[in-house]
C-alpha atoms as a PDB file:
ATOM      1  CA  MET A   1      70.517 -33.477-141.572  1.00  0.00           C
ATOM      2  CA  GLY A   2      69.850 -36.962-143.055  1.00  0.00           C
ATOM      3  CA  MET A   3      66.416 -38.466-143.984  1.00  0.00           C
ATOM      4  CA  LYS A   4      66.688 -40.806-140.865  1.00  0.00           C
ATOM      5  CA  ALA A   5      66.989 -37.731-138.536  1.00  0.00           C
ATOM      6  CA  CYS A   6      64.205 -35.824-140.131  1.00  0.00           C
ATOM      7  CA  THR A   7      61.961 -38.841-139.860  1.00  0.00           C
ATOM      8  CA  MET A   8      62.889 -39.270-136.221  1.00  0.00           C
ATOM      9  CA  ILE A   9      62.048 -35.651-135.403  1.00  0.00           C
ATOM     10  CA  LEU A  10      58.811 -35.828-137.292  1.00  0.00           C
ATOM     11  CA  PHE A  11      57.915 -39.008-135.388  1.00  0.00           C
ATOM     12  CA  VAL A  12      58.611 -37.216-131.987  1.00  0.00           C
ATOM     13  CA  PHE A  13      56.689 -34.126-132.934  1.00  0.00           C
ATOM     14  CA  MET A  14      53.700 -36.280-133.927  1.00  0.00           C
ATOM     15  CA  ALA A  15      53.790 -38.340-130.678  1.00  0.00           C
ATOM     16  CA  ILE A  16      53.762 -35.038-128.692  1.00  0.00           C
ATOM     17  CA  ALA A  17      50.991 -33.430-130.719  1.00  0.00           C
ATOM     18  CA  LEU A  18      48.832 -36.528-130.478  1.00  0.00           C
ATOM     19  CA  SER A  19      49.244 -36.740-126.760  1.00  0.00           C
ATOM     20  CA  ILE A  20      47.732 -33.225-126.187  1.00  0.00           C
ATOM     21  CA  PRO A  21      44.022 -33.615-125.294  1.00  0.00           C
ATOM     22  CA  CYS A  22      41.578 -32.331-127.834  1.00  0.00           C
ATOM     23  CA  SER A  23      39.874 -30.391-125.176  1.00  0.00           C
ATOM     24  CA  THR A  24      42.898 -28.122-124.951  1.00  0.00           C
ATOM     25  CA  PHE A  25      41.947 -26.853-128.314  1.00  0.00           C
ATOM     26  CA  ALA A  26      38.207 -26.992-127.992  1.00  0.00           C
ATOM     27  CA  GLY A  27      37.969 -24.088-125.595  1.00  0.00           C
ATOM     28  CA  ASN A  28      35.586 -25.847-123.252  1.00  0.00           C
ATOM     29  CA  SER A  29      33.728 -23.381-121.171  1.00  0.00           C
ATOM     30  CA  ILE A  30      31.968 -23.663-117.850  1.00  0.00           C
ATOM     31  CA  PRO A  31      28.487 -25.006-118.470  1.00  0.00           C
ATOM     32  CA  ASP A  32      25.442 -22.848-117.696  1.00  0.00           C
ATOM     33  CA  LEU A  33      23.369 -24.832-115.230  1.00  0.00           C
ATOM     34  CA  LYS A  34      20.885 -22.035-114.481  1.00  0.00           C
ATOM     35  CA  GLY A  35      17.244 -23.004-115.014  1.00  0.00           C
ATOM     36  CA  ALA A  36      14.767 -25.735-114.116  1.00  0.00           C
ATOM     37  CA  TRP A  37      15.728 -29.505-114.335  1.00  0.00           C
ATOM     38  CA  GLU A  38      13.451 -32.497-113.996  1.00  0.00           C
ATOM     39  CA  GLY A  39      14.427 -35.990-113.119  1.00  0.00           C
ATOM     40  CA  THR A  40      13.676 -39.204-111.184  1.00  0.00           C
ATOM     41  CA  PHE A  41      15.907 -40.677-108.677  1.00  0.00           C
ATOM     42  CA  LEU A  42      15.814 -44.443-108.312  1.00  0.00           C
ATOM     43  CA  SER A  43      16.833 -44.690-104.520  1.00  0.00           C
ATOM     44  CA  ILE A  44      16.780 -46.774-101.382  1.00  0.00           C
ATOM     45  CA  LYS A  45      16.937 -45.399 -97.944  1.00  0.00           C
ATOM     46  CA  TYR A  46      17.066 -47.296 -94.527  1.00  0.00           C
ATOM     47  CA  HIS A  47      15.826 -46.055 -91.314  1.00  0.00           C
ATOM     48  CA  PRO A  48      15.748 -48.360 -88.098  1.00  0.00           C
ATOM     49  CA  GLU A  49      12.117 -47.301 -87.565  1.00  0.00           C
ATOM     50  CA  SER A  50      10.466 -48.693 -90.635  1.00  0.00           C
ATOM     51  CA  GLY A  51       7.366 -46.495 -90.097  1.00  0.00           C
ATOM     52  CA  HIS A  52       9.370 -43.414 -89.891  1.00  0.00           C
ATOM     53  CA  GLU A  53       8.262 -40.909 -92.643  1.00  0.00           C
ATOM     54  CA  MET A  54      11.345 -39.608 -94.338  1.00  0.00           C
ATOM     55  CA  GLU A  55      11.658 -36.160 -96.183  1.00  0.00           C
ATOM     56  CA  HIS A  56      10.921 -37.290 -99.763  1.00  0.00           C
ATOM     57  CA  ARG A  57       9.617 -40.853 -98.942  1.00  0.00           C
ATOM     58  CA  PRO A  58       6.383 -42.151 -97.706  1.00  0.00           C
ATOM     59  CA  ALA A  59       6.148 -43.871 -94.215  1.00  0.00           C
ATOM     60  CA  GLY A  60       6.815 -47.585 -94.401  1.00  0.00           C
ATOM     61  CA  HIS A  61       9.237 -47.514 -97.299  1.00  0.00           C
ATOM     62  CA  SER A  62      12.517 -48.046 -95.329  1.00  0.00           C
ATOM     63  CA  GLY A  63      14.767 -50.405 -97.324  1.00  0.00           C
ATOM     64  CA  LYS A  64      12.486 -50.482-100.348  1.00  0.00           C
ATOM     65  CA  MET A  65      13.616 -49.120-103.821  1.00  0.00           C
ATOM     66  CA  LEU A  66      11.535 -46.120-104.925  1.00  0.00           C
ATOM     67  CA  ALA A  67      11.467 -43.921-108.013  1.00  0.00           C
ATOM     68  CA  ILE A  68      10.805 -40.356-106.918  1.00  0.00           C
ATOM     69  CA  LYS A  69      10.411 -37.413-109.184  1.00  0.00           C
ATOM     70  CA  PHE A  70      12.483 -34.296-108.506  1.00  0.00           C
ATOM     71  CA  ASN A  71      12.786 -30.733-109.728  1.00  0.00           C
ATOM     72  CA  LEU A  72      16.245 -29.145-109.522  1.00  0.00           C
ATOM     73  CA  THR A  73      16.129 -25.336-109.920  1.00  0.00           C
ATOM     74  CA  VAL A  74      19.472 -23.510-110.248  1.00  0.00           C
ATOM     75  CA  ASP A  75      18.624 -19.818-109.573  1.00  0.00           C
ATOM     76  CA  TYR A  76      22.232 -18.597-109.173  1.00  0.00           C
ATOM     77  CA  GLN A  77      25.505 -19.365-110.745  1.00  0.00           C
ATOM     78  CA  GLU A  78      28.745 -17.435-110.676  1.00  0.00           C
ATOM     79  CA  LYS A  79      31.549 -19.157-112.650  1.00  0.00           C
ATOM     80  CA  ARG A  80      31.731 -22.552-111.105  1.00  0.00           C
ATOM     81  CA  VAL A  81      29.580 -22.076-107.965  1.00  0.00           C
ATOM     82  CA  PHE A  82      25.829 -22.399-108.217  1.00  0.00           C
ATOM     83  CA  ALA A  83      22.846 -22.532-105.866  1.00  0.00           C
ATOM     84  CA  GLY A  84      19.162 -23.257-105.956  1.00  0.00           C
ATOM     85  CA  THR A  85      16.613 -25.787-104.692  1.00  0.00           C
ATOM     86  CA  ILE A  86      15.790 -29.563-105.156  1.00  0.00           C
ATOM     87  CA  ALA A  87      12.179 -30.579-104.495  1.00  0.00           C
ATOM     88  CA  SER A  88       9.964 -33.686-104.558  1.00  0.00           C
ATOM     89  CA  ALA A  89       6.227 -33.568-104.139  1.00  0.00           C
ATOM     90  CA  LYS A  90       6.698 -33.824-100.402  1.00  0.00           C
ATOM     91  CA  HIS A  91       9.755 -31.698 -99.565  1.00  0.00           C
ATOM     92  CA  LYS A  92      11.971 -28.889-100.852  1.00  0.00           C
ATOM     93  CA  GLU A  93      15.604 -28.079 -99.758  1.00  0.00           C
ATOM     94  CA  SER A  94      18.211 -25.590-100.792  1.00  0.00           C
ATOM     95  CA  VAL A  95      21.323 -26.915-102.618  1.00  0.00           C
ATOM     96  CA  THR A  96      24.810 -25.451-103.280  1.00  0.00           C
ATOM     97  CA  GLY A  97      27.237 -26.861-105.782  1.00  0.00           C
ATOM     98  CA  VAL A  98      30.298 -26.559-107.735  1.00  0.00           C
ATOM     99  CA  ILE A  99      31.484 -27.499-111.283  1.00  0.00           C
ATOM    100  CA  ALA A 100      35.074 -29.033-111.283  1.00  0.00           C
ATOM    101  CA  LEU A 101      37.766 -27.866-113.558  1.00  0.00           C
ATOM    102  CA  ASP A 102      36.893 -30.591-116.146  1.00  0.00           C
ATOM    103  CA  ASN A 103      33.667 -28.698-116.709  1.00  0.00           C
ATOM    104  CA  GLU A 104      31.878 -31.994-116.475  1.00  0.00           C
ATOM    105  CA  THR A 105      31.996 -33.152-112.824  1.00  0.00           C
ATOM    106  CA  LEU A 106      29.535 -31.828-110.284  1.00  0.00           C
ATOM    107  CA  TYR A 107      29.505 -31.766-106.459  1.00  0.00           C
ATOM    108  CA  LEU A 108      26.320 -30.645-104.627  1.00  0.00           C
ATOM    109  CA  THR A 109      25.123 -30.663-101.080  1.00  0.00           C
ATOM    110  CA  ASP A 110      21.610 -30.027 -99.434  1.00  0.00           C
ATOM    111  CA  GLN A 111      20.923 -29.716 -95.873  1.00  0.00           C
ATOM    112  CA  ASP A 112      21.743 -33.415 -95.109  1.00  0.00           C
ATOM    113  CA  SER A 113      22.948 -35.087 -98.282  1.00  0.00           C
ATOM    114  CA  THR A 114      25.675 -35.117-100.887  1.00  0.00           C
ATOM    115  CA  PHE A 115      25.462 -35.427-104.663  1.00  0.00           C
ATOM    116  CA  PHE A 116      28.005 -36.295-107.203  1.00  0.00           C
ATOM    117  CA  GLY A 117      27.251 -35.589-110.860  1.00  0.00           C
ATOM    118  CA  LYS A 118      28.327 -35.356-114.361  1.00  0.00           C
ATOM    119  CA  VAL A 119      27.295 -32.966-117.183  1.00  0.00           C
ATOM    120  CA  LEU A 120      26.059 -35.261-120.062  1.00  0.00           C
ATOM    121  CA  GLY A 121      25.258 -32.464-122.404  1.00  0.00           C
ATOM    122  CA  SER A 122      23.851 -28.952-122.421  1.00  0.00           C
ATOM    123  CA  ASP A 123      20.388 -30.221-121.364  1.00  0.00           C
ATOM    124  CA  ARG A 124      21.282 -33.305-119.305  1.00  0.00           C
ATOM    125  CA  ILE A 125      22.991 -34.125-116.067  1.00  0.00           C
ATOM    126  CA  GLU A 126      23.456 -37.253-114.047  1.00  0.00           C
ATOM    127  CA  LEU A 127      23.239 -37.085-110.274  1.00  0.00           C
ATOM    128  CA  ILE A 128      24.191 -39.627-107.720  1.00  0.00           C
ATOM    129  CA  TRP A 129      22.702 -38.999-104.205  1.00  0.00           C
ATOM    130  CA  THR A 130      24.166 -40.243-100.863  1.00  0.00           C
ATOM    131  CA  ALA A 131      23.105 -39.598 -97.316  1.00  0.00           C
ATOM    132  CA  VAL A 132      24.219 -40.607 -93.947  1.00  0.00           C
ATOM    133  CA  GLU A 133      21.690 -39.080 -91.475  1.00  0.00           C
ATOM    134  CA  THR A 134      22.063 -40.782 -88.182  1.00  0.00           C
ATOM    135  CA  PRO A 135      20.212 -43.140 -87.851  1.00  0.00           C
ATOM    136  CA  ALA A 136      19.254 -43.268 -91.516  1.00  0.00           C
ATOM    137  CA  HIS A 137      21.229 -43.692 -94.689  1.00  0.00           C
ATOM    138  CA  GLY A 138      20.661 -44.074 -98.460  1.00  0.00           C
ATOM    139  CA  ALA A 139      21.724 -43.723-101.971  1.00  0.00           C
ATOM    140  CA  GLY A 140      20.124 -43.116-105.383  1.00  0.00           C
ATOM    141  CA  HIS A 141      20.696 -42.306-109.051  1.00  0.00           C
ATOM    142  CA  GLY A 142      19.022 -40.069-111.504  1.00  0.00           C
ATOM    143  CA  VAL A 143      19.338 -38.284-114.894  1.00  0.00           C
ATOM    144  CA  PHE A 144      17.898 -34.763-115.015  1.00  0.00           C
ATOM    145  CA  VAL A 145      16.720 -32.994-118.167  1.00  0.00           C
ATOM    146  CA  LYS A 146      16.632 -29.168-118.479  1.00  0.00           C
ATOM    147  CA  ASN A 147      13.282 -27.626-119.215  1.00  0.00           C
ATOM    148  CA  LYS A 148      13.277 -25.710-122.441  1.00  0.00           C
END
């Protein structure tokens, strides 16, 4: 085999090796979400009756941006599936969720909303909240930090 053939084989081998994601070798494990998390959602929610009191929001705040503190507690986790509660100062709801195969993407629901999220580190997660509760709807964003 000539030098040119060896160089070509080496080039092909390197191209294949560099195309394999590093995470394949890193041994990424399912993150442990159990514990208490604190964060603030910056959110907006609309309701046709502007004086209507909504679960986590005071009356008269329909269509206004609010920053609301929340506590997320994950009491149970088995592999990718987890459950717990999410609570503001006004209201507490049960939540269930799953961790996607990438070990970063989160999907959660409470009684009337959906959350999408991302694991940002062992002690930080991002959650995006959306709700369509006829006749109300809203969306919000928050970063939660795990209590030590």
